[in-house]
Amino acid sequence: MFSGIIEALGSTAQLIPEGPGCRLVIEEPEIRATTKVADSIAVNGCCLTVVEVGNTTMTFQAGPETLARTNLGKLTEGSPVNLERALALGDRLGGHFVSGHIDGLAMLDEIKDYGDWADYWFKVPEELAAQMASKGSAAVDGVSLTLVNCTRDHFSVALIPYTLKVTTLGSRKTGDFVNIETDILSKYVARLIEAKEWK
């Protein structure tokens, strides 16, 4: 479980083909210093297991499903990634409950630039838009954000200078794809509504 509060920006050091998937080597010395094999880390919001550690790197295995359904399959060497270690019991929860299980991709459709501030509009599949509500929460590339406007196939977020500086969102351009995880509560509500039709 995660909170959506990004701890560091890592850099994609290597992408090594392995079977139907790949090994993803991420460089970030500060998080590496407290990380061991089998730890869970959210990489762009996607929960991955550390399988190897180096002096300043952590290695993960990403299968074909993960590469196809998330933007991890679009990474190249040098790509920045958002990193968050799994929550420990007793940690403060500054964002919202994030599972690290990506629901789908959204495309950055429009940027309204206000100097150091910005509003981002994302195009999202309708099935995910149905799980979003204004003033609710969603994780975008692992970043816990408050939703501003929500339509049938778009949503917007207002980004402060700090978020733009310390996460991958500051370097995103229109046409880029981001990982989306809707709020856990919305999934249960959607399932309950769906279940009413079973009778």
N, C-alpha and C. Protein backbone atom coordinates (compact mmCIF):
# COMPACT_ATOMS: atom_id res chain seq x y z
N MET A 1 0.85 -1.19 0.00
CA MET A 1 0.00 0.00 0.00
C MET A 1 0.89 1.24 0.00
N PHE A 2 0.43 2.27 -0.72
CA PHE A 2 1.19 3.51 -0.86
C PHE A 2 0.27 4.69 -0.56
N SER A 3 0.84 5.90 -0.56
CA SER A 3 0.06 7.09 -0.26
C SER A 3 -0.03 8.06 -1.43
N GLY A 4 0.79 7.86 -2.46
CA GLY A 4 0.81 8.79 -3.58
C GLY A 4 1.65 10.02 -3.33
N ILE A 5 2.46 10.00 -2.26
CA ILE A 5 3.39 11.09 -2.00
C ILE A 5 4.76 10.65 -2.51
N ILE A 6 5.20 11.24 -3.61
CA ILE A 6 6.44 10.81 -4.26
C ILE A 6 7.63 11.18 -3.40
N GLU A 7 8.53 10.19 -3.22
CA GLU A 7 9.70 10.43 -2.39
C GLU A 7 10.92 10.89 -3.18
N ALA A 8 11.01 10.46 -4.43
CA ALA A 8 12.18 10.82 -5.23
C ALA A 8 11.92 10.57 -6.70
N LEU A 9 12.67 11.28 -7.52
CA LEU A 9 12.70 11.01 -8.95
C LEU A 9 13.89 10.10 -9.23
N GLY A 10 13.62 8.96 -9.83
CA GLY A 10 14.70 8.07 -10.24
C GLY A 10 14.96 8.22 -11.73
N SER A 11 16.00 7.58 -12.19
CA SER A 11 16.35 7.61 -13.61
C SER A 11 16.44 6.17 -14.12
N THR A 12 15.90 5.92 -15.31
CA THR A 12 15.96 4.59 -15.91
C THR A 12 17.38 4.35 -16.41
N ALA A 13 18.10 3.47 -15.73
CA ALA A 13 19.50 3.21 -16.10
C ALA A 13 19.61 2.18 -17.21
N GLN A 14 18.79 1.12 -17.13
CA GLN A 14 18.84 0.06 -18.14
C GLN A 14 17.48 -0.59 -18.30
N LEU A 15 17.20 -1.07 -19.50
CA LEU A 15 16.05 -1.91 -19.80
C LEU A 15 16.60 -3.16 -20.45
N ILE A 16 16.56 -4.28 -19.71
CA ILE A 16 17.20 -5.51 -20.16
C ILE A 16 16.12 -6.52 -20.53
N PRO A 17 16.01 -6.90 -21.81
CA PRO A 17 15.00 -7.90 -22.19
C PRO A 17 15.21 -9.19 -21.40
N GLU A 18 14.09 -9.76 -20.93
CA GLU A 18 14.16 -11.00 -20.16
C GLU A 18 12.87 -11.78 -20.39
N GLY A 19 12.96 -12.91 -21.08
CA GLY A 19 11.78 -13.69 -21.39
C GLY A 19 10.78 -12.82 -22.13
N PRO A 20 9.49 -12.89 -21.75
CA PRO A 20 8.49 -12.04 -22.41
C PRO A 20 8.45 -10.62 -21.84
N GLY A 21 9.22 -10.37 -20.78
CA GLY A 21 9.22 -9.06 -20.14
C GLY A 21 10.59 -8.42 -20.18
N CYS A 22 10.92 -7.72 -19.10
CA CYS A 22 12.24 -7.10 -19.05
C CYS A 22 12.64 -6.86 -17.60
N ARG A 23 13.93 -6.60 -17.43
CA ARG A 23 14.46 -6.12 -16.15
C ARG A 23 14.60 -4.62 -16.26
N LEU A 24 14.05 -3.94 -15.28
CA LEU A 24 14.05 -2.49 -15.25
C LEU A 24 15.01 -2.04 -14.14
N VAL A 25 16.10 -1.40 -14.54
CA VAL A 25 17.11 -0.95 -13.58
C VAL A 25 16.95 0.55 -13.38
N ILE A 26 16.65 0.92 -12.13
CA ILE A 26 16.40 2.32 -11.79
C ILE A 26 17.50 2.82 -10.85
N GLU A 27 18.02 3.99 -11.17
CA GLU A 27 19.06 4.59 -10.32
C GLU A 27 18.45 5.68 -9.44
N GLU A 28 18.68 5.55 -8.15
CA GLU A 28 18.26 6.57 -7.18
C GLU A 28 18.93 6.21 -5.85
N PRO A 29 20.06 6.83 -5.53
CA PRO A 29 20.87 6.40 -4.38
C PRO A 29 20.21 6.52 -3.01
N GLU A 30 19.39 7.55 -2.78
CA GLU A 30 18.83 7.75 -1.44
C GLU A 30 17.82 6.66 -1.09
N ILE A 31 16.92 6.36 -2.00
CA ILE A 31 15.97 5.28 -1.73
C ILE A 31 16.68 3.94 -1.73
N ARG A 32 17.64 3.76 -2.62
CA ARG A 32 18.41 2.50 -2.64
C ARG A 32 19.05 2.23 -1.28
N ALA A 33 19.49 3.27 -0.58
CA ALA A 33 20.21 3.09 0.69
C ALA A 33 19.36 2.40 1.75
N THR A 34 18.04 2.47 1.62
CA THR A 34 17.16 1.85 2.62
C THR A 34 16.33 0.72 2.02
N THR A 35 16.74 0.23 0.86
CA THR A 35 15.96 -0.78 0.13
C THR A 35 16.70 -2.10 0.08
N LYS A 36 15.94 -3.20 0.21
CA LYS A 36 16.53 -4.53 0.09
C LYS A 36 15.70 -5.37 -0.87
N VAL A 37 16.26 -6.48 -1.28
CA VAL A 37 15.55 -7.39 -2.17
C VAL A 37 14.22 -7.81 -1.53
N ALA A 38 13.17 -7.88 -2.35
CA ALA A 38 11.80 -8.26 -1.98
C ALA A 38 10.97 -7.08 -1.48
N ASP A 39 11.56 -5.88 -1.35
CA ASP A 39 10.77 -4.71 -0.99
C ASP A 39 9.85 -4.33 -2.15
N SER A 40 8.75 -3.67 -1.82
CA SER A 40 7.83 -3.16 -2.83
C SER A 40 8.03 -1.66 -2.99
N ILE A 41 8.15 -1.23 -4.24
CA ILE A 41 8.31 0.19 -4.55
C ILE A 41 7.38 0.52 -5.71
N ALA A 42 6.71 1.66 -5.60
CA ALA A 42 5.85 2.12 -6.69
C ALA A 42 6.72 2.90 -7.67
N VAL A 43 6.74 2.43 -8.92
CA VAL A 43 7.48 3.08 -9.99
C VAL A 43 6.44 3.67 -10.95
N ASN A 44 6.36 5.00 -11.00
CA ASN A 44 5.28 5.67 -11.74
C ASN A 44 3.92 5.13 -11.30
N GLY A 45 3.82 4.82 -10.02
CA GLY A 45 2.56 4.36 -9.45
C GLY A 45 2.31 2.87 -9.55
N CYS A 46 3.20 2.14 -10.22
CA CYS A 46 3.04 0.70 -10.42
C CYS A 46 3.85 -0.05 -9.38
N CYS A 47 3.20 -0.84 -8.55
CA CYS A 47 3.88 -1.59 -7.50
C CYS A 47 4.75 -2.69 -8.11
N LEU A 48 6.06 -2.61 -7.86
CA LEU A 48 7.01 -3.59 -8.36
C LEU A 48 7.85 -4.11 -7.20
N THR A 49 8.37 -5.33 -7.36
CA THR A 49 9.20 -5.97 -6.34
C THR A 49 10.67 -5.82 -6.71
N VAL A 50 11.47 -5.40 -5.74
CA VAL A 50 12.91 -5.29 -5.96
C VAL A 50 13.50 -6.71 -6.04
N VAL A 51 14.19 -7.02 -7.12
CA VAL A 51 14.79 -8.35 -7.29
C VAL A 51 16.31 -8.32 -7.18
N GLU A 52 16.89 -7.12 -7.21
CA GLU A 52 18.35 -7.00 -7.11
C GLU A 52 18.67 -5.57 -6.74
N VAL A 53 19.74 -5.39 -5.95
CA VAL A 53 20.18 -4.04 -5.61
C VAL A 53 21.66 -3.88 -5.96
N GLY A 54 22.02 -2.69 -6.42
CA GLY A 54 23.40 -2.34 -6.68
C GLY A 54 23.82 -1.24 -5.74
N ASN A 55 24.93 -0.59 -6.01
CA ASN A 55 25.38 0.49 -5.14
C ASN A 55 24.40 1.65 -5.12
N THR A 56 23.88 2.00 -6.29
CA THR A 56 22.95 3.13 -6.38
C THR A 56 21.68 2.76 -7.16
N THR A 57 21.53 1.48 -7.49
CA THR A 57 20.41 1.07 -8.34
C THR A 57 19.54 -0.01 -7.69
N MET A 58 18.31 -0.09 -8.21
CA MET A 58 17.37 -1.14 -7.82
C MET A 58 16.85 -1.75 -9.11
N THR A 59 16.74 -3.09 -9.13
CA THR A 59 16.28 -3.78 -10.33
C THR A 59 14.94 -4.44 -10.06
N PHE A 60 14.04 -4.29 -11.04
CA PHE A 60 12.69 -4.86 -10.97
C PHE A 60 12.46 -5.72 -12.21
N GLN A 61 11.56 -6.69 -12.11
CA GLN A 61 11.12 -7.45 -13.27
C GLN A 61 9.71 -7.01 -13.63
N ALA A 62 9.52 -6.66 -14.90
CA ALA A 62 8.21 -6.24 -15.39
C ALA A 62 7.77 -7.21 -16.48
N GLY A 63 6.60 -7.83 -16.27
CA GLY A 63 6.07 -8.80 -17.23
C GLY A 63 5.36 -8.12 -18.38
N PRO A 64 4.96 -8.90 -19.39
CA PRO A 64 4.32 -8.32 -20.57
C PRO A 64 3.02 -7.59 -20.26
N GLU A 65 2.25 -8.07 -19.29
CA GLU A 65 1.00 -7.40 -18.92
C GLU A 65 1.29 -6.02 -18.37
N THR A 66 2.28 -5.92 -17.49
CA THR A 66 2.66 -4.63 -16.92
C THR A 66 3.17 -3.69 -17.99
N LEU A 67 3.99 -4.18 -18.89
CA LEU A 67 4.56 -3.34 -19.93
C LEU A 67 3.49 -2.85 -20.90
N ALA A 68 2.46 -3.67 -21.14
CA ALA A 68 1.41 -3.31 -22.09
C ALA A 68 0.38 -2.37 -21.49
N ARG A 69 0.10 -2.51 -20.18
CA ARG A 69 -1.01 -1.77 -19.57
C ARG A 69 -0.57 -0.50 -18.84
N THR A 70 0.75 -0.28 -18.73
CA THR A 70 1.26 0.90 -18.04
C THR A 70 2.27 1.62 -18.94
N ASN A 71 2.68 2.80 -18.51
CA ASN A 71 3.67 3.51 -19.32
C ASN A 71 5.10 3.04 -19.06
N LEU A 72 5.27 2.01 -18.24
CA LEU A 72 6.60 1.44 -18.05
C LEU A 72 7.11 0.83 -19.36
N GLY A 73 6.18 0.38 -20.20
CA GLY A 73 6.57 -0.17 -21.50
C GLY A 73 7.06 0.88 -22.47
N LYS A 74 6.89 2.16 -22.13
CA LYS A 74 7.33 3.25 -23.00
C LYS A 74 8.63 3.89 -22.51
N LEU A 75 9.18 3.38 -21.40
CA LEU A 75 10.41 3.95 -20.87
C LEU A 75 11.59 3.70 -21.80
N THR A 76 12.53 4.62 -21.81
CA THR A 76 13.80 4.45 -22.49
C THR A 76 14.90 4.80 -21.48
N GLU A 77 16.13 4.47 -21.81
CA GLU A 77 17.23 4.80 -20.89
C GLU A 77 17.27 6.32 -20.68
N GLY A 78 17.33 6.70 -19.41
CA GLY A 78 17.34 8.11 -19.06
C GLY A 78 15.98 8.66 -18.67
N SER A 79 14.90 7.90 -18.94
CA SER A 79 13.56 8.37 -18.57
C SER A 79 13.44 8.54 -17.06
N PRO A 80 12.88 9.67 -16.60
CA PRO A 80 12.66 9.83 -15.16
C PRO A 80 11.45 9.02 -14.72
N VAL A 81 11.46 8.57 -13.48
CA VAL A 81 10.33 7.83 -12.91
C VAL A 81 10.08 8.30 -11.49
N ASN A 82 8.80 8.33 -11.11
CA ASN A 82 8.42 8.64 -9.74
C ASN A 82 8.61 7.41 -8.87
N LEU A 83 9.16 7.59 -7.68
CA LEU A 83 9.40 6.47 -6.77
C LEU A 83 8.78 6.74 -5.40
N GLU A 84 8.14 5.70 -4.87
CA GLU A 84 7.61 5.75 -3.51
C GLU A 84 7.75 4.37 -2.88
N ARG A 85 8.35 4.33 -1.70
CA ARG A 85 8.43 3.07 -0.96
C ARG A 85 7.08 2.75 -0.33
N ALA A 86 6.83 1.46 -0.10
CA ALA A 86 5.56 1.05 0.51
C ALA A 86 5.44 1.66 1.91
N LEU A 87 4.20 1.95 2.30
CA LEU A 87 3.94 2.51 3.62
C LEU A 87 4.31 1.51 4.72
N ALA A 88 4.77 2.03 5.82
CA ALA A 88 4.98 1.22 7.02
C ALA A 88 3.85 1.54 8.00
N LEU A 89 3.48 0.56 8.82
CA LEU A 89 2.45 0.81 9.83
C LEU A 89 2.89 1.96 10.73
N GLY A 90 1.99 2.90 10.94
CA GLY A 90 2.30 4.05 11.77
C GLY A 90 2.73 5.27 10.98
N ASP A 91 2.98 5.11 9.65
CA ASP A 91 3.33 6.26 8.82
C ASP A 91 2.15 7.22 8.71
N ARG A 92 2.45 8.50 8.57
CA ARG A 92 1.41 9.47 8.25
C ARG A 92 0.94 9.23 6.83
N LEU A 93 -0.35 9.42 6.60
CA LEU A 93 -0.91 9.26 5.26
C LEU A 93 -1.22 10.65 4.70
N GLY A 94 -0.28 11.17 3.91
CA GLY A 94 -0.42 12.53 3.41
C GLY A 94 -1.26 12.63 2.15
N GLY A 95 -1.38 11.53 1.39
CA GLY A 95 -2.15 11.56 0.15
C GLY A 95 -3.46 10.84 0.32
N HIS A 96 -3.59 9.66 -0.34
CA HIS A 96 -4.75 8.80 -0.14
C HIS A 96 -4.27 7.36 -0.33
N PHE A 97 -5.10 6.40 0.00
CA PHE A 97 -4.69 5.01 -0.13
C PHE A 97 -4.54 4.65 -1.60
N VAL A 98 -3.32 4.23 -1.97
CA VAL A 98 -2.97 3.86 -3.34
C VAL A 98 -2.44 2.43 -3.30
N SER A 99 -3.02 1.55 -4.12
CA SER A 99 -2.62 0.13 -4.08
C SER A 99 -1.40 -0.17 -4.93
N GLY A 100 -1.14 0.67 -5.93
CA GLY A 100 -0.05 0.38 -6.86
C GLY A 100 -0.48 -0.52 -8.00
N HIS A 101 -1.79 -0.75 -8.13
CA HIS A 101 -2.35 -1.55 -9.23
C HIS A 101 -2.97 -0.61 -10.25
N ILE A 102 -2.32 -0.46 -11.38
CA ILE A 102 -2.72 0.53 -12.38
C ILE A 102 -4.00 0.08 -13.08
N ASP A 103 -4.96 1.01 -13.20
CA ASP A 103 -6.23 0.71 -13.85
C ASP A 103 -6.19 0.95 -15.35
N GLY A 104 -5.33 1.84 -15.80
CA GLY A 104 -5.25 2.12 -17.23
C GLY A 104 -4.39 3.35 -17.48
N LEU A 105 -4.38 3.76 -18.74
CA LEU A 105 -3.58 4.91 -19.16
C LEU A 105 -4.49 6.07 -19.52
N ALA A 106 -3.99 7.28 -19.29
CA ALA A 106 -4.66 8.50 -19.75
C ALA A 106 -3.65 9.29 -20.57
N MET A 107 -4.16 10.08 -21.50
CA MET A 107 -3.29 10.90 -22.34
C MET A 107 -3.40 12.36 -21.91
N LEU A 108 -2.25 13.01 -21.74
CA LEU A 108 -2.25 14.44 -21.43
C LEU A 108 -2.72 15.20 -22.67
N ASP A 109 -3.88 15.80 -22.56
CA ASP A 109 -4.55 16.39 -23.72
C ASP A 109 -4.34 17.90 -23.82
N GLU A 110 -4.21 18.57 -22.68
CA GLU A 110 -4.06 20.03 -22.70
C GLU A 110 -3.35 20.48 -21.43
N ILE A 111 -2.46 21.45 -21.61
CA ILE A 111 -1.77 22.08 -20.48
C ILE A 111 -2.13 23.57 -20.48
N LYS A 112 -2.69 24.04 -19.37
CA LYS A 112 -2.94 25.47 -19.20
C LYS A 112 -1.85 25.99 -18.26
N ASP A 113 -0.92 26.72 -18.83
CA ASP A 113 0.29 27.15 -18.13
C ASP A 113 0.06 28.51 -17.47
N TYR A 114 0.34 28.57 -16.16
CA TYR A 114 0.23 29.83 -15.42
C TYR A 114 1.57 30.16 -14.77
N GLY A 115 2.63 30.11 -15.55
CA GLY A 115 3.97 30.34 -15.01
C GLY A 115 4.48 29.10 -14.31
N ASP A 116 4.66 29.19 -13.00
CA ASP A 116 5.13 28.04 -12.22
C ASP A 116 4.00 27.07 -11.87
N TRP A 117 2.76 27.45 -12.16
CA TRP A 117 1.58 26.65 -11.86
C TRP A 117 1.00 26.15 -13.17
N ALA A 118 0.17 25.11 -13.11
CA ALA A 118 -0.44 24.62 -14.35
C ALA A 118 -1.68 23.79 -14.05
N ASP A 119 -2.62 23.84 -14.97
CA ASP A 119 -3.76 22.92 -14.97
C ASP A 119 -3.54 21.93 -16.10
N TYR A 120 -3.68 20.64 -15.80
CA TYR A 120 -3.52 19.59 -16.81
C TYR A 120 -4.88 18.94 -17.06
N TRP A 121 -5.21 18.75 -18.33
CA TRP A 121 -6.41 18.01 -18.73
C TRP A 121 -5.98 16.70 -19.36
N PHE A 122 -6.55 15.60 -18.88
CA PHE A 122 -6.22 14.26 -19.38
C PHE A 122 -7.44 13.63 -20.04
N LYS A 123 -7.22 12.97 -21.16
CA LYS A 123 -8.26 12.16 -21.80
C LYS A 123 -8.15 10.75 -21.24
N VAL A 124 -9.28 10.20 -20.82
CA VAL A 124 -9.27 8.93 -20.10
C VAL A 124 -10.41 8.05 -20.63
N PRO A 125 -10.24 6.72 -20.66
CA PRO A 125 -11.35 5.86 -21.08
C PRO A 125 -12.59 6.06 -20.20
N GLU A 126 -13.76 5.92 -20.81
CA GLU A 126 -15.01 6.18 -20.09
C GLU A 126 -15.16 5.31 -18.85
N GLU A 127 -14.70 4.05 -18.92
CA GLU A 127 -14.86 3.17 -17.76
C GLU A 127 -14.07 3.68 -16.55
N LEU A 128 -12.97 4.40 -16.79
CA LEU A 128 -12.23 4.99 -15.67
C LEU A 128 -12.84 6.33 -15.27
N ALA A 129 -13.32 7.09 -16.26
CA ALA A 129 -13.97 8.37 -15.95
C ALA A 129 -15.17 8.16 -15.03
N ALA A 130 -15.84 7.02 -15.19
CA ALA A 130 -17.01 6.72 -14.35
C ALA A 130 -16.63 6.54 -12.89
N GLN A 131 -15.35 6.31 -12.61
CA GLN A 131 -14.89 6.12 -11.23
C GLN A 131 -14.23 7.39 -10.68
N MET A 132 -14.44 8.52 -11.34
CA MET A 132 -13.83 9.78 -10.92
C MET A 132 -14.91 10.80 -10.61
N ALA A 133 -14.67 11.61 -9.59
CA ALA A 133 -15.61 12.66 -9.22
C ALA A 133 -14.83 13.90 -8.78
N SER A 134 -15.36 15.07 -9.09
CA SER A 134 -14.73 16.31 -8.68
C SER A 134 -14.51 16.33 -7.17
N LYS A 135 -13.32 16.73 -6.77
CA LYS A 135 -12.86 16.77 -5.37
C LYS A 135 -12.49 15.39 -4.83
N GLY A 136 -12.61 14.37 -5.66
CA GLY A 136 -12.13 13.05 -5.28
C GLY A 136 -10.64 12.94 -5.54
N SER A 137 -10.11 11.74 -5.38
CA SER A 137 -8.67 11.52 -5.55
C SER A 137 -8.39 10.51 -6.66
N ALA A 138 -7.23 10.66 -7.27
CA ALA A 138 -6.71 9.66 -8.21
C ALA A 138 -5.20 9.74 -8.15
N ALA A 139 -4.54 8.65 -8.50
CA ALA A 139 -3.08 8.65 -8.60
C ALA A 139 -2.72 8.73 -10.08
N VAL A 140 -1.94 9.75 -10.43
CA VAL A 140 -1.47 9.97 -11.80
C VAL A 140 0.03 9.76 -11.81
N ASP A 141 0.48 8.71 -12.48
CA ASP A 141 1.90 8.31 -12.41
C ASP A 141 2.34 8.15 -10.95
N GLY A 142 1.40 7.71 -10.11
CA GLY A 142 1.71 7.47 -8.71
C GLY A 142 1.56 8.67 -7.82
N VAL A 143 1.24 9.85 -8.40
CA VAL A 143 1.11 11.08 -7.61
C VAL A 143 -0.34 11.23 -7.15
N SER A 144 -0.56 11.33 -5.86
CA SER A 144 -1.90 11.55 -5.32
C SER A 144 -2.36 12.97 -5.65
N LEU A 145 -3.46 13.07 -6.42
CA LEU A 145 -3.96 14.38 -6.83
C LEU A 145 -5.46 14.49 -6.58
N THR A 146 -5.90 15.71 -6.33
CA THR A 146 -7.32 16.00 -6.20
C THR A 146 -7.88 16.34 -7.58
N LEU A 147 -8.96 15.69 -7.95
CA LEU A 147 -9.59 15.94 -9.24
C LEU A 147 -10.36 17.25 -9.19
N VAL A 148 -10.22 18.05 -10.23
CA VAL A 148 -10.91 19.34 -10.29
C VAL A 148 -12.20 19.21 -11.09
N ASN A 149 -12.06 18.98 -12.39
CA ASN A 149 -13.22 18.80 -13.27
C ASN A 149 -13.21 17.38 -13.82
N CYS A 150 -14.38 16.77 -13.90
CA CYS A 150 -14.51 15.41 -14.43
C CYS A 150 -15.66 15.37 -15.43
N THR A 151 -15.37 14.91 -16.64
CA THR A 151 -16.40 14.76 -17.66
C THR A 151 -16.47 13.29 -18.04
N ARG A 152 -17.18 13.02 -19.11
CA ARG A 152 -17.38 11.63 -19.55
C ARG A 152 -16.07 10.98 -19.99
N ASP A 153 -15.13 11.78 -20.51
CA ASP A 153 -13.87 11.19 -20.98
C ASP A 153 -12.64 12.05 -20.70
N HIS A 154 -12.77 13.03 -19.80
CA HIS A 154 -11.63 13.87 -19.42
C HIS A 154 -11.68 14.15 -17.92
N PHE A 155 -10.53 14.50 -17.37
CA PHE A 155 -10.48 15.05 -16.02
C PHE A 155 -9.34 16.06 -15.97
N SER A 156 -9.42 16.97 -15.01
CA SER A 156 -8.36 17.95 -14.86
C SER A 156 -7.84 17.95 -13.43
N VAL A 157 -6.58 18.39 -13.31
CA VAL A 157 -5.95 18.56 -12.00
C VAL A 157 -5.20 19.89 -12.02
N ALA A 158 -5.09 20.52 -10.85
CA ALA A 158 -4.34 21.76 -10.71
C ALA A 158 -3.03 21.43 -10.00
N LEU A 159 -1.93 21.74 -10.66
CA LEU A 159 -0.62 21.36 -10.14
C LEU A 159 0.14 22.56 -9.59
N ILE A 160 0.63 22.42 -8.36
CA ILE A 160 1.40 23.47 -7.72
C ILE A 160 2.86 23.38 -8.16
N PRO A 161 3.64 24.46 -8.00
CA PRO A 161 5.04 24.43 -8.43
C PRO A 161 5.85 23.27 -7.84
N TYR A 162 5.60 22.92 -6.58
CA TYR A 162 6.36 21.84 -5.94
C TYR A 162 6.14 20.52 -6.67
N THR A 163 4.88 20.19 -6.97
CA THR A 163 4.58 18.93 -7.66
C THR A 163 5.22 18.91 -9.04
N LEU A 164 5.17 20.02 -9.76
CA LEU A 164 5.77 20.09 -11.09
C LEU A 164 7.29 19.93 -11.03
N LYS A 165 7.89 20.35 -9.91
CA LYS A 165 9.35 20.30 -9.78
C LYS A 165 9.85 18.92 -9.37
N VAL A 166 9.13 18.23 -8.47
CA VAL A 166 9.70 17.01 -7.86
C VAL A 166 9.10 15.71 -8.40
N THR A 167 8.23 15.80 -9.41
CA THR A 167 7.67 14.59 -10.01
C THR A 167 7.84 14.65 -11.53
N THR A 168 7.53 13.53 -12.18
CA THR A 168 7.63 13.47 -13.64
C THR A 168 6.61 14.38 -14.31
N LEU A 169 5.57 14.80 -13.59
CA LEU A 169 4.51 15.59 -14.22
C LEU A 169 5.04 16.89 -14.79
N GLY A 170 6.07 17.45 -14.20
CA GLY A 170 6.63 18.70 -14.69
C GLY A 170 7.27 18.59 -16.06
N SER A 171 7.66 17.39 -16.46
CA SER A 171 8.30 17.21 -17.78
C SER A 171 7.35 16.60 -18.81
N ARG A 172 6.11 16.34 -18.41
CA ARG A 172 5.14 15.75 -19.35
C ARG A 172 4.72 16.77 -20.40
N LYS A 173 4.48 16.25 -21.61
CA LYS A 173 4.03 17.09 -22.71
C LYS A 173 2.71 16.53 -23.24
N THR A 174 1.95 17.36 -23.95
CA THR A 174 0.69 16.87 -24.52
C THR A 174 0.99 15.68 -25.42
N GLY A 175 0.13 14.67 -25.33
CA GLY A 175 0.33 13.43 -26.08
C GLY A 175 1.00 12.35 -25.26
N ASP A 176 1.62 12.71 -24.12
CA ASP A 176 2.24 11.71 -23.24
C ASP A 176 1.17 10.91 -22.52
N PHE A 177 1.51 9.66 -22.22
CA PHE A 177 0.59 8.79 -21.48
C PHE A 177 1.05 8.65 -20.04
N VAL A 178 0.08 8.66 -19.13
CA VAL A 178 0.36 8.52 -17.70
C VAL A 178 -0.44 7.36 -17.15
N ASN A 179 0.09 6.76 -16.09
CA ASN A 179 -0.61 5.68 -15.40
C ASN A 179 -1.70 6.26 -14.49
N ILE A 180 -2.85 5.60 -14.49
CA ILE A 180 -3.97 6.06 -13.67
C ILE A 180 -4.41 4.94 -12.73
N GLU A 181 -4.56 5.30 -11.46
CA GLU A 181 -5.23 4.42 -10.50
C GLU A 181 -6.34 5.22 -9.85
N THR A 182 -7.58 4.80 -10.06
CA THR A 182 -8.70 5.49 -9.44
C THR A 182 -8.77 5.13 -7.96
N ASP A 183 -9.56 5.90 -7.24
CA ASP A 183 -9.69 5.68 -5.80
C ASP A 183 -10.30 4.31 -5.50
N ILE A 184 -9.77 3.63 -4.51
CA ILE A 184 -10.23 2.29 -4.16
C ILE A 184 -11.74 2.26 -3.87
N LEU A 185 -12.24 3.27 -3.16
CA LEU A 185 -13.66 3.31 -2.81
C LEU A 185 -14.53 3.32 -4.06
N SER A 186 -14.10 4.03 -5.10
CA SER A 186 -14.91 4.11 -6.32
C SER A 186 -15.06 2.75 -6.99
N LYS A 187 -14.05 1.91 -6.86
CA LYS A 187 -14.12 0.57 -7.46
C LYS A 187 -15.18 -0.27 -6.76
N TYR A 188 -15.26 -0.17 -5.45
CA TYR A 188 -16.26 -0.95 -4.71
C TYR A 188 -17.67 -0.45 -5.00
N VAL A 189 -17.83 0.86 -5.12
CA VAL A 189 -19.15 1.41 -5.45
C VAL A 189 -19.57 0.92 -6.83
N ALA A 190 -18.65 0.97 -7.81
CA ALA A 190 -18.96 0.51 -9.16
C ALA A 190 -19.32 -0.98 -9.16
N ARG A 191 -18.62 -1.76 -8.36
CA ARG A 191 -18.90 -3.20 -8.30
C ARG A 191 -20.26 -3.47 -7.67
N LEU A 192 -20.61 -2.72 -6.63
CA LEU A 192 -21.91 -2.91 -6.00
C LEU A 192 -23.05 -2.59 -6.97
N ILE A 193 -22.88 -1.51 -7.74
CA ILE A 193 -23.89 -1.16 -8.74
C ILE A 193 -24.00 -2.26 -9.80
N GLU A 194 -22.86 -2.77 -10.24
CA GLU A 194 -22.84 -3.84 -11.23
C GLU A 194 -23.52 -5.11 -10.69
N ALA A 195 -23.28 -5.40 -9.42
CA ALA A 195 -23.80 -6.62 -8.81
C ALA A 195 -25.33 -6.61 -8.71
N LYS A 196 -25.95 -5.42 -8.66
CA LYS A 196 -27.40 -5.34 -8.60
C LYS A 196 -28.07 -5.94 -9.84
N GLU A 197 -27.33 -5.96 -10.94
CA GLU A 197 -27.88 -6.50 -12.19
C GLU A 197 -27.76 -8.01 -12.27
N TRP A 198 -27.12 -8.62 -11.29
CA TRP A 198 -26.96 -10.08 -11.32
C TRP A 198 -28.26 -10.80 -10.99
N LYS A 199 -29.17 -10.12 -10.29
CA LYS A 199 -30.39 -10.77 -9.81
C LYS A 199 -31.40 -10.94 -10.92
